[in-house]
Amino acid sequence: MTQVSLLTPETASVEARPILAEITAAFGMTPNMFAAAANSPAALKMMWGAFGALGGGTLGAKLGEQIAVAIADIDACNYCLAAHTALGRKAGATAEEMSEAQAGRSADPKTAAVLAFVVKVVTDRAQVSDADVQALRDAGFNDEGIVEIVANIALNLYTNYLNLALDVPVDFPSVRLRKAA
């Protein structure tokens, strides 16, 4: 059972209502993660704004979703794994690409470099070496892309922690964690 109320555009505070209405229009529903975050209009605004800002970045939606499922599996966040797998498919990733990303792998060398870096950052608590960053440069990423990768990691850690700590119910098609397998 969720640890906080799941708010709707009708039950949220006056400050959160327009943000939730925008989210509901974008998804055709109010995903539970945002309904939980709406308890703090500041947290909801930060989360939705970060998704919007990074969605307009240089990495592209597909790679952003691949990053998200890799992190979700490491953190054992069923909510984010389900949501980002569905969103990854909408962004053009195949089921195989999302499954491989969940395991931190990709047949595409550029994506593989990103996922290896993501796994290292998350599992080693951001203790990366010059060689780890150089591997991203060698794969074709400049400073802008590298910073966006780290920003995607931070956003996904936040959403994983929100969903895990507050036991937010999954409202996307379930995906099996590899970590638990």
N, C-alpha and C. Protein backbone atom coordinates (compact mmCIF):
# COMPACT_ATOMS: atom_id res chain seq x y z
N MET A 1 0.84 -1.19 0.00
CA MET A 1 0.00 0.00 0.00
C MET A 1 0.88 1.24 0.00
N THR A 2 0.57 2.16 -0.86
CA THR A 2 1.38 3.38 -0.96
C THR A 2 1.43 4.12 0.38
N GLN A 3 2.55 4.74 0.63
CA GLN A 3 2.77 5.45 1.88
C GLN A 3 2.20 6.87 1.88
N VAL A 4 1.81 7.38 0.71
CA VAL A 4 1.23 8.71 0.59
C VAL A 4 -0.02 8.63 -0.28
N SER A 5 -0.82 9.65 -0.23
CA SER A 5 -2.02 9.71 -1.07
C SER A 5 -1.63 9.83 -2.53
N LEU A 6 -2.43 9.22 -3.39
CA LEU A 6 -2.27 9.37 -4.84
C LEU A 6 -3.29 10.41 -5.27
N LEU A 7 -2.80 11.58 -5.64
CA LEU A 7 -3.66 12.71 -5.95
C LEU A 7 -4.01 12.76 -7.43
N THR A 8 -5.11 13.38 -7.72
CA THR A 8 -5.58 13.57 -9.10
C THR A 8 -5.63 15.06 -9.38
N PRO A 9 -5.84 15.44 -10.63
CA PRO A 9 -5.98 16.88 -10.90
C PRO A 9 -7.14 17.50 -10.09
N GLU A 10 -8.10 16.70 -9.69
CA GLU A 10 -9.22 17.21 -8.91
C GLU A 10 -8.92 17.29 -7.41
N THR A 11 -8.06 16.40 -6.89
CA THR A 11 -7.81 16.34 -5.45
C THR A 11 -6.49 17.01 -5.05
N ALA A 12 -5.66 17.36 -5.99
CA ALA A 12 -4.37 17.98 -5.70
C ALA A 12 -4.54 19.44 -5.28
N SER A 13 -3.50 20.00 -4.73
CA SER A 13 -3.52 21.41 -4.35
C SER A 13 -3.66 22.28 -5.59
N VAL A 14 -4.04 23.49 -5.36
CA VAL A 14 -4.22 24.44 -6.46
C VAL A 14 -2.93 24.57 -7.28
N GLU A 15 -1.79 24.55 -6.59
CA GLU A 15 -0.49 24.68 -7.27
C GLU A 15 -0.15 23.46 -8.12
N ALA A 16 -0.53 22.27 -7.66
CA ALA A 16 -0.20 21.04 -8.38
C ALA A 16 -1.18 20.72 -9.50
N ARG A 17 -2.40 21.22 -9.41
CA ARG A 17 -3.44 20.85 -10.38
C ARG A 17 -3.06 21.08 -11.83
N PRO A 18 -2.55 22.25 -12.21
CA PRO A 18 -2.24 22.44 -13.64
C PRO A 18 -1.11 21.53 -14.13
N ILE A 19 -0.17 21.21 -13.25
CA ILE A 19 0.93 20.31 -13.64
C ILE A 19 0.38 18.90 -13.83
N LEU A 20 -0.44 18.46 -12.91
CA LEU A 20 -1.05 17.13 -13.04
C LEU A 20 -1.95 17.06 -14.27
N ALA A 21 -2.66 18.14 -14.55
CA ALA A 21 -3.52 18.15 -15.74
C ALA A 21 -2.68 18.01 -17.01
N GLU A 22 -1.53 18.66 -17.04
CA GLU A 22 -0.61 18.55 -18.18
C GLU A 22 -0.08 17.12 -18.31
N ILE A 23 0.28 16.52 -17.19
CA ILE A 23 0.78 15.15 -17.18
C ILE A 23 -0.31 14.19 -17.65
N THR A 24 -1.51 14.37 -17.14
CA THR A 24 -2.64 13.52 -17.52
C THR A 24 -2.91 13.64 -19.02
N ALA A 25 -2.84 14.83 -19.55
CA ALA A 25 -3.04 15.02 -20.99
C ALA A 25 -1.94 14.33 -21.79
N ALA A 26 -0.72 14.38 -21.30
CA ALA A 26 0.40 13.76 -22.01
C ALA A 26 0.31 12.24 -22.03
N PHE A 27 -0.16 11.64 -20.93
CA PHE A 27 -0.19 10.18 -20.80
C PHE A 27 -1.57 9.59 -21.09
N GLY A 28 -2.60 10.42 -21.09
CA GLY A 28 -3.96 9.90 -21.23
C GLY A 28 -4.47 9.33 -19.91
N MET A 29 -3.73 9.51 -18.86
CA MET A 29 -4.04 9.05 -17.50
C MET A 29 -3.11 9.79 -16.55
N THR A 30 -3.33 9.65 -15.26
CA THR A 30 -2.40 10.22 -14.28
C THR A 30 -1.58 9.07 -13.72
N PRO A 31 -0.35 8.88 -14.21
CA PRO A 31 0.47 7.80 -13.65
C PRO A 31 0.66 7.96 -12.14
N ASN A 32 0.61 6.85 -11.44
CA ASN A 32 0.70 6.87 -9.98
C ASN A 32 1.95 7.56 -9.46
N MET A 33 3.06 7.47 -10.17
CA MET A 33 4.27 8.13 -9.71
C MET A 33 4.05 9.63 -9.58
N PHE A 34 3.42 10.23 -10.59
CA PHE A 34 3.15 11.66 -10.55
C PHE A 34 2.07 11.98 -9.53
N ALA A 35 1.10 11.07 -9.37
CA ALA A 35 0.04 11.27 -8.38
C ALA A 35 0.63 11.29 -6.96
N ALA A 36 1.65 10.48 -6.72
CA ALA A 36 2.34 10.49 -5.43
C ALA A 36 3.17 11.76 -5.27
N ALA A 37 3.91 12.12 -6.31
CA ALA A 37 4.76 13.31 -6.25
C ALA A 37 3.94 14.58 -6.06
N ALA A 38 2.68 14.56 -6.49
CA ALA A 38 1.83 15.75 -6.40
C ALA A 38 1.57 16.17 -4.96
N ASN A 39 1.88 15.32 -3.99
CA ASN A 39 1.76 15.72 -2.60
C ASN A 39 2.67 16.90 -2.28
N SER A 40 3.73 17.05 -3.04
CA SER A 40 4.62 18.22 -2.94
C SER A 40 4.62 18.90 -4.30
N PRO A 41 3.93 20.02 -4.45
CA PRO A 41 3.95 20.71 -5.74
C PRO A 41 5.37 21.01 -6.21
N ALA A 42 6.28 21.32 -5.29
CA ALA A 42 7.66 21.59 -5.68
C ALA A 42 8.32 20.35 -6.28
N ALA A 43 8.12 19.19 -5.65
CA ALA A 43 8.71 17.95 -6.16
C ALA A 43 8.09 17.57 -7.50
N LEU A 44 6.78 17.73 -7.64
CA LEU A 44 6.11 17.44 -8.90
C LEU A 44 6.61 18.34 -10.01
N LYS A 45 6.72 19.63 -9.72
CA LYS A 45 7.21 20.59 -10.71
C LYS A 45 8.64 20.26 -11.12
N MET A 46 9.48 19.91 -10.15
CA MET A 46 10.87 19.54 -10.44
C MET A 46 10.93 18.31 -11.33
N MET A 47 10.15 17.28 -10.98
CA MET A 47 10.19 16.03 -11.73
C MET A 47 9.69 16.22 -13.16
N TRP A 48 8.54 16.84 -13.31
CA TRP A 48 7.96 17.04 -14.64
C TRP A 48 8.86 17.95 -15.48
N GLY A 49 9.39 18.98 -14.86
CA GLY A 49 10.29 19.88 -15.57
C GLY A 49 11.57 19.18 -16.02
N ALA A 50 12.10 18.31 -15.18
CA ALA A 50 13.32 17.58 -15.53
C ALA A 50 13.06 16.62 -16.69
N PHE A 51 11.92 15.92 -16.65
CA PHE A 51 11.58 15.03 -17.77
C PHE A 51 11.47 15.84 -19.06
N GLY A 52 10.83 16.99 -18.99
CA GLY A 52 10.67 17.84 -20.17
C GLY A 52 12.00 18.36 -20.69
N ALA A 53 12.83 18.84 -19.78
CA ALA A 53 14.13 19.39 -20.18
C ALA A 53 15.01 18.32 -20.81
N LEU A 54 15.11 17.16 -20.17
CA LEU A 54 15.96 16.10 -20.70
C LEU A 54 15.37 15.49 -21.96
N GLY A 55 14.05 15.47 -22.06
CA GLY A 55 13.40 14.98 -23.27
C GLY A 55 13.74 15.83 -24.49
N GLY A 56 14.07 17.09 -24.25
CA GLY A 56 14.48 17.98 -25.33
C GLY A 56 15.98 18.06 -25.50
N GLY A 57 16.72 17.21 -24.81
CA GLY A 57 18.18 17.22 -24.89
C GLY A 57 18.70 16.50 -26.12
N THR A 58 19.98 16.24 -26.12
CA THR A 58 20.64 15.66 -27.29
C THR A 58 20.64 14.13 -27.33
N LEU A 59 20.30 13.47 -26.22
CA LEU A 59 20.40 12.01 -26.18
C LEU A 59 19.28 11.31 -26.93
N GLY A 60 18.11 11.90 -26.97
CA GLY A 60 16.96 11.27 -27.61
C GLY A 60 16.18 10.42 -26.63
N ALA A 61 14.90 10.25 -26.93
CA ALA A 61 13.99 9.54 -26.04
C ALA A 61 14.37 8.07 -25.87
N LYS A 62 14.73 7.42 -26.95
CA LYS A 62 15.04 5.99 -26.89
C LYS A 62 16.21 5.73 -25.93
N LEU A 63 17.30 6.47 -26.08
CA LEU A 63 18.45 6.27 -25.21
C LEU A 63 18.10 6.64 -23.77
N GLY A 64 17.31 7.69 -23.58
CA GLY A 64 16.89 8.06 -22.23
C GLY A 64 16.13 6.94 -21.55
N GLU A 65 15.27 6.25 -22.31
CA GLU A 65 14.51 5.14 -21.74
C GLU A 65 15.39 3.92 -21.50
N GLN A 66 16.39 3.71 -22.34
CA GLN A 66 17.33 2.61 -22.12
C GLN A 66 18.13 2.86 -20.84
N ILE A 67 18.54 4.09 -20.64
CA ILE A 67 19.23 4.45 -19.39
C ILE A 67 18.32 4.15 -18.21
N ALA A 68 17.06 4.55 -18.32
CA ALA A 68 16.10 4.40 -17.22
C ALA A 68 15.89 2.94 -16.83
N VAL A 69 15.77 2.05 -17.81
CA VAL A 69 15.53 0.64 -17.45
C VAL A 69 16.77 -0.01 -16.85
N ALA A 70 17.95 0.40 -17.27
CA ALA A 70 19.17 -0.13 -16.66
C ALA A 70 19.22 0.24 -15.18
N ILE A 71 18.90 1.49 -14.88
CA ILE A 71 18.91 1.96 -13.49
C ILE A 71 17.79 1.30 -12.69
N ALA A 72 16.62 1.19 -13.28
CA ALA A 72 15.48 0.57 -12.58
C ALA A 72 15.80 -0.86 -12.18
N ASP A 73 16.49 -1.59 -13.06
CA ASP A 73 16.82 -2.97 -12.72
C ASP A 73 17.85 -3.02 -11.59
N ILE A 74 18.84 -2.17 -11.64
CA ILE A 74 19.85 -2.13 -10.57
C ILE A 74 19.18 -1.84 -9.23
N ASP A 75 18.25 -0.87 -9.22
CA ASP A 75 17.58 -0.46 -7.98
C ASP A 75 16.40 -1.36 -7.62
N ALA A 76 16.06 -2.31 -8.50
CA ALA A 76 14.90 -3.19 -8.30
C ALA A 76 13.61 -2.38 -8.17
N CYS A 77 13.47 -1.38 -9.04
CA CYS A 77 12.27 -0.54 -9.04
C CYS A 77 11.30 -1.04 -10.11
N ASN A 78 10.34 -1.84 -9.68
CA ASN A 78 9.35 -2.38 -10.60
C ASN A 78 8.57 -1.29 -11.32
N TYR A 79 8.26 -0.20 -10.61
CA TYR A 79 7.48 0.87 -11.22
C TYR A 79 8.24 1.46 -12.42
N CYS A 80 9.46 1.89 -12.18
CA CYS A 80 10.22 2.54 -13.26
C CYS A 80 10.56 1.57 -14.38
N LEU A 81 10.81 0.32 -14.04
CA LEU A 81 11.09 -0.67 -15.08
C LEU A 81 9.88 -0.82 -15.99
N ALA A 82 8.70 -0.94 -15.42
CA ALA A 82 7.48 -1.08 -16.22
C ALA A 82 7.21 0.17 -17.05
N ALA A 83 7.26 1.32 -16.41
CA ALA A 83 6.95 2.57 -17.12
C ALA A 83 7.94 2.85 -18.24
N HIS A 84 9.22 2.73 -17.95
CA HIS A 84 10.22 3.09 -18.96
C HIS A 84 10.36 2.04 -20.05
N THR A 85 10.02 0.80 -19.76
CA THR A 85 9.98 -0.20 -20.83
C THR A 85 8.88 0.18 -21.82
N ALA A 86 7.72 0.51 -21.31
CA ALA A 86 6.61 0.93 -22.19
C ALA A 86 6.97 2.20 -22.96
N LEU A 87 7.57 3.16 -22.28
CA LEU A 87 7.94 4.41 -22.95
C LEU A 87 9.06 4.19 -23.97
N GLY A 88 9.97 3.28 -23.67
CA GLY A 88 11.03 2.94 -24.62
C GLY A 88 10.48 2.35 -25.90
N ARG A 89 9.48 1.50 -25.74
CA ARG A 89 8.84 0.90 -26.92
C ARG A 89 8.15 2.00 -27.75
N LYS A 90 7.51 2.95 -27.07
CA LYS A 90 6.89 4.08 -27.78
C LYS A 90 7.93 4.95 -28.48
N ALA A 91 9.14 4.98 -27.93
CA ALA A 91 10.22 5.78 -28.50
C ALA A 91 10.96 5.06 -29.63
N GLY A 92 10.51 3.85 -29.96
CA GLY A 92 11.09 3.14 -31.09
C GLY A 92 12.03 2.00 -30.77
N ALA A 93 12.24 1.71 -29.51
CA ALA A 93 13.12 0.59 -29.14
C ALA A 93 12.35 -0.73 -29.30
N THR A 94 13.05 -1.75 -29.72
CA THR A 94 12.44 -3.07 -29.80
C THR A 94 12.39 -3.68 -28.40
N ALA A 95 11.61 -4.75 -28.26
CA ALA A 95 11.55 -5.46 -26.99
C ALA A 95 12.94 -5.97 -26.61
N GLU A 96 13.68 -6.47 -27.61
CA GLU A 96 15.04 -6.98 -27.36
C GLU A 96 15.97 -5.85 -26.91
N GLU A 97 15.89 -4.69 -27.54
CA GLU A 97 16.74 -3.56 -27.14
C GLU A 97 16.45 -3.14 -25.70
N MET A 98 15.17 -3.15 -25.30
CA MET A 98 14.84 -2.76 -23.93
C MET A 98 15.28 -3.82 -22.94
N SER A 99 15.14 -5.08 -23.30
CA SER A 99 15.59 -6.16 -22.44
C SER A 99 17.11 -6.11 -22.25
N GLU A 100 17.82 -5.89 -23.33
CA GLU A 100 19.28 -5.78 -23.24
C GLU A 100 19.69 -4.56 -22.42
N ALA A 101 19.00 -3.44 -22.62
CA ALA A 101 19.31 -2.23 -21.85
C ALA A 101 19.07 -2.47 -20.36
N GLN A 102 18.02 -3.19 -20.05
CA GLN A 102 17.73 -3.54 -18.66
C GLN A 102 18.92 -4.26 -18.03
N ALA A 103 19.62 -5.05 -18.82
CA ALA A 103 20.81 -5.77 -18.35
C ALA A 103 22.08 -4.94 -18.48
N GLY A 104 21.95 -3.69 -18.96
CA GLY A 104 23.11 -2.83 -19.11
C GLY A 104 23.90 -3.10 -20.37
N ARG A 105 23.24 -3.68 -21.38
CA ARG A 105 23.93 -4.05 -22.62
C ARG A 105 23.20 -3.48 -23.83
N SER A 106 23.93 -3.42 -24.94
CA SER A 106 23.35 -3.04 -26.22
C SER A 106 24.25 -3.53 -27.34
N ALA A 107 23.63 -3.90 -28.46
CA ALA A 107 24.40 -4.29 -29.65
C ALA A 107 24.98 -3.06 -30.33
N ASP A 108 24.40 -1.89 -30.07
CA ASP A 108 24.91 -0.64 -30.63
C ASP A 108 26.07 -0.16 -29.77
N PRO A 109 27.27 0.03 -30.35
CA PRO A 109 28.43 0.40 -29.54
C PRO A 109 28.27 1.70 -28.76
N LYS A 110 27.61 2.68 -29.34
CA LYS A 110 27.43 3.97 -28.66
C LYS A 110 26.51 3.79 -27.45
N THR A 111 25.42 3.08 -27.64
CA THR A 111 24.50 2.81 -26.54
C THR A 111 25.16 1.94 -25.48
N ALA A 112 25.94 0.96 -25.91
CA ALA A 112 26.65 0.09 -24.98
C ALA A 112 27.60 0.89 -24.09
N ALA A 113 28.28 1.87 -24.68
CA ALA A 113 29.19 2.71 -23.90
C ALA A 113 28.43 3.50 -22.84
N VAL A 114 27.28 4.03 -23.22
CA VAL A 114 26.46 4.79 -22.27
C VAL A 114 25.99 3.88 -21.14
N LEU A 115 25.46 2.72 -21.49
CA LEU A 115 24.93 1.82 -20.46
C LEU A 115 26.02 1.32 -19.53
N ALA A 116 27.21 1.06 -20.05
CA ALA A 116 28.32 0.65 -19.19
C ALA A 116 28.66 1.76 -18.19
N PHE A 117 28.66 3.00 -18.68
CA PHE A 117 28.92 4.15 -17.81
C PHE A 117 27.82 4.28 -16.76
N VAL A 118 26.57 4.17 -17.18
CA VAL A 118 25.43 4.27 -16.27
C VAL A 118 25.53 3.23 -15.16
N VAL A 119 25.78 2.00 -15.53
CA VAL A 119 25.90 0.93 -14.55
C VAL A 119 27.02 1.24 -13.57
N LYS A 120 28.14 1.71 -14.08
CA LYS A 120 29.29 2.05 -13.22
C LYS A 120 28.94 3.18 -12.26
N VAL A 121 28.31 4.23 -12.77
CA VAL A 121 27.94 5.37 -11.91
C VAL A 121 27.00 4.91 -10.80
N VAL A 122 25.99 4.14 -11.15
CA VAL A 122 25.00 3.74 -10.16
C VAL A 122 25.57 2.74 -9.17
N THR A 123 26.25 1.73 -9.65
CA THR A 123 26.74 0.69 -8.73
C THR A 123 27.93 1.16 -7.90
N ASP A 124 28.73 2.06 -8.44
CA ASP A 124 29.90 2.56 -7.71
C ASP A 124 29.69 3.94 -7.11
N ARG A 125 28.41 4.36 -7.03
CA ARG A 125 28.05 5.63 -6.41
C ARG A 125 28.84 6.80 -6.97
N ALA A 126 28.91 6.84 -8.30
CA ALA A 126 29.52 7.93 -9.07
C ALA A 126 31.04 7.99 -8.97
N GLN A 127 31.65 6.95 -8.46
CA GLN A 127 33.11 6.91 -8.37
C GLN A 127 33.66 6.35 -9.68
N VAL A 128 33.74 7.22 -10.69
CA VAL A 128 34.21 6.80 -12.00
C VAL A 128 35.61 7.35 -12.25
N SER A 129 36.28 6.74 -13.19
CA SER A 129 37.65 7.14 -13.50
C SER A 129 37.69 8.00 -14.76
N ASP A 130 38.83 8.57 -15.01
CA ASP A 130 39.04 9.31 -16.26
C ASP A 130 38.79 8.39 -17.45
N ALA A 131 39.19 7.14 -17.33
CA ALA A 131 39.00 6.17 -18.42
C ALA A 131 37.51 5.91 -18.68
N ASP A 132 36.70 5.92 -17.64
CA ASP A 132 35.26 5.71 -17.81
C ASP A 132 34.64 6.85 -18.62
N VAL A 133 35.04 8.07 -18.32
CA VAL A 133 34.54 9.23 -19.05
C VAL A 133 35.12 9.23 -20.47
N GLN A 134 36.38 8.87 -20.59
CA GLN A 134 37.01 8.82 -21.92
C GLN A 134 36.31 7.81 -22.82
N ALA A 135 35.82 6.73 -22.25
CA ALA A 135 35.09 5.73 -23.06
C ALA A 135 33.84 6.36 -23.69
N LEU A 136 33.19 7.28 -22.99
CA LEU A 136 32.06 8.00 -23.58
C LEU A 136 32.53 8.91 -24.71
N ARG A 137 33.63 9.59 -24.49
CA ARG A 137 34.19 10.47 -25.54
C ARG A 137 34.56 9.63 -26.78
N ASP A 138 35.17 8.49 -26.53
CA ASP A 138 35.57 7.61 -27.64
C ASP A 138 34.35 7.09 -28.41
N ALA A 139 33.21 7.01 -27.72
CA ALA A 139 31.97 6.55 -28.37
C ALA A 139 31.27 7.69 -29.12
N GLY A 140 31.80 8.91 -28.98
CA GLY A 140 31.23 10.03 -29.74
C GLY A 140 30.49 11.07 -28.92
N PHE A 141 30.58 11.00 -27.61
CA PHE A 141 29.88 11.98 -26.77
C PHE A 141 30.79 13.15 -26.42
N ASN A 142 30.22 14.34 -26.49
CA ASN A 142 30.94 15.54 -26.07
C ASN A 142 30.51 15.88 -24.63
N ASP A 143 30.99 17.00 -24.13
CA ASP A 143 30.68 17.38 -22.75
C ASP A 143 29.17 17.51 -22.53
N GLU A 144 28.46 18.06 -23.50
CA GLU A 144 27.02 18.21 -23.36
C GLU A 144 26.34 16.85 -23.16
N GLY A 145 26.69 15.91 -24.00
CA GLY A 145 26.10 14.57 -23.89
C GLY A 145 26.47 13.90 -22.58
N ILE A 146 27.70 14.04 -22.15
CA ILE A 146 28.15 13.41 -20.91
C ILE A 146 27.38 13.98 -19.72
N VAL A 147 27.21 15.29 -19.70
CA VAL A 147 26.45 15.91 -18.60
C VAL A 147 24.99 15.46 -18.65
N GLU A 148 24.42 15.34 -19.84
CA GLU A 148 23.03 14.87 -19.95
C GLU A 148 22.88 13.43 -19.48
N ILE A 149 23.88 12.62 -19.73
CA ILE A 149 23.84 11.24 -19.23
C ILE A 149 23.77 11.24 -17.71
N VAL A 150 24.62 12.05 -17.08
CA VAL A 150 24.62 12.13 -15.61
C VAL A 150 23.28 12.70 -15.11
N ALA A 151 22.73 13.68 -15.81
CA ALA A 151 21.43 14.24 -15.41
C ALA A 151 20.34 13.19 -15.51
N ASN A 152 20.36 12.36 -16.55
CA ASN A 152 19.39 11.27 -16.68
C ASN A 152 19.54 10.28 -15.53
N ILE A 153 20.76 9.99 -15.16
CA ILE A 153 21.00 9.09 -14.03
C ILE A 153 20.37 9.68 -12.76
N ALA A 154 20.64 10.94 -12.50
CA ALA A 154 20.12 11.57 -11.28
C ALA A 154 18.59 11.58 -11.26
N LEU A 155 17.97 11.92 -12.37
CA LEU A 155 16.51 11.94 -12.42
C LEU A 155 15.94 10.54 -12.18
N ASN A 156 16.54 9.54 -12.78
CA ASN A 156 16.02 8.18 -12.62
C ASN A 156 16.27 7.64 -11.22
N LEU A 157 17.35 8.01 -10.59
CA LEU A 157 17.55 7.61 -9.20
C LEU A 157 16.46 8.23 -8.33
N TYR A 158 16.14 9.49 -8.57
CA TYR A 158 15.08 10.15 -7.80
C TYR A 158 13.75 9.42 -7.98
N THR A 159 13.38 9.15 -9.23
CA THR A 159 12.08 8.51 -9.44
C THR A 159 12.07 7.09 -8.87
N ASN A 160 13.17 6.36 -8.99
CA ASN A 160 13.23 5.03 -8.38
C ASN A 160 13.03 5.14 -6.87
N TYR A 161 13.73 6.05 -6.24
CA TYR A 161 13.65 6.18 -4.79
C TYR A 161 12.25 6.62 -4.36
N LEU A 162 11.64 7.51 -5.09
CA LEU A 162 10.27 7.93 -4.78
C LEU A 162 9.34 6.73 -4.82
N ASN A 163 9.42 5.95 -5.89
CA ASN A 163 8.53 4.81 -6.05
C ASN A 163 8.81 3.70 -5.04
N LEU A 164 10.07 3.44 -4.76
CA LEU A 164 10.42 2.40 -3.80
C LEU A 164 10.10 2.80 -2.37
N ALA A 165 10.53 3.98 -1.97
CA ALA A 165 10.34 4.42 -0.59
C ALA A 165 8.87 4.58 -0.23
N LEU A 166 8.08 5.02 -1.21
CA LEU A 166 6.67 5.30 -0.94
C LEU A 166 5.75 4.19 -1.42
N ASP A 167 6.32 3.10 -1.93
CA ASP A 167 5.57 1.92 -2.37
C ASP A 167 4.45 2.30 -3.34
N VAL A 168 4.83 3.03 -4.37
CA VAL A 168 3.86 3.49 -5.37
C VAL A 168 3.42 2.30 -6.22
N PRO A 169 2.11 2.07 -6.34
CA PRO A 169 1.61 0.93 -7.12
C PRO A 169 1.90 1.09 -8.62
N VAL A 170 2.34 0.01 -9.24
CA VAL A 170 2.66 0.02 -10.67
C VAL A 170 1.37 0.06 -11.47
N ASP A 171 1.31 0.99 -12.42
CA ASP A 171 0.14 1.12 -13.28
C ASP A 171 0.51 1.07 -14.76
N PHE A 172 1.59 0.40 -15.07
CA PHE A 172 2.03 0.11 -16.43
C PHE A 172 2.17 -1.41 -16.53
N PRO A 173 2.21 -1.95 -17.75
CA PRO A 173 2.38 -3.41 -17.87
C PRO A 173 3.66 -3.88 -17.18
N SER A 174 3.53 -4.89 -16.35
CA SER A 174 4.63 -5.40 -15.54
C SER A 174 5.77 -5.97 -16.41
N VAL A 175 6.99 -5.76 -15.94
CA VAL A 175 8.19 -6.31 -16.57
C VAL A 175 9.00 -6.98 -15.45
N ARG A 176 9.51 -8.15 -15.74
CA ARG A 176 10.26 -8.89 -14.72
C ARG A 176 11.65 -8.30 -14.55
N LEU A 177 12.02 -8.07 -13.31
CA LEU A 177 13.37 -7.61 -12.99
C LEU A 177 14.36 -8.72 -13.33
N ARG A 178 15.47 -8.37 -13.93
CA ARG A 178 16.54 -9.34 -14.16
C ARG A 178 17.27 -9.61 -12.87
N LYS A 179 17.46 -8.58 -12.09
CA LYS A 179 18.19 -8.67 -10.83
C LYS A 179 17.56 -9.73 -9.92
N ALA A 180 16.24 -9.79 -9.93
CA ALA A 180 15.53 -10.74 -9.08
C ALA A 180 15.49 -12.14 -9.70
N ALA A 181 15.82 -12.22 -10.98
CA ALA A 181 15.71 -13.52 -11.67
C ALA A 181 16.78 -14.47 -11.20
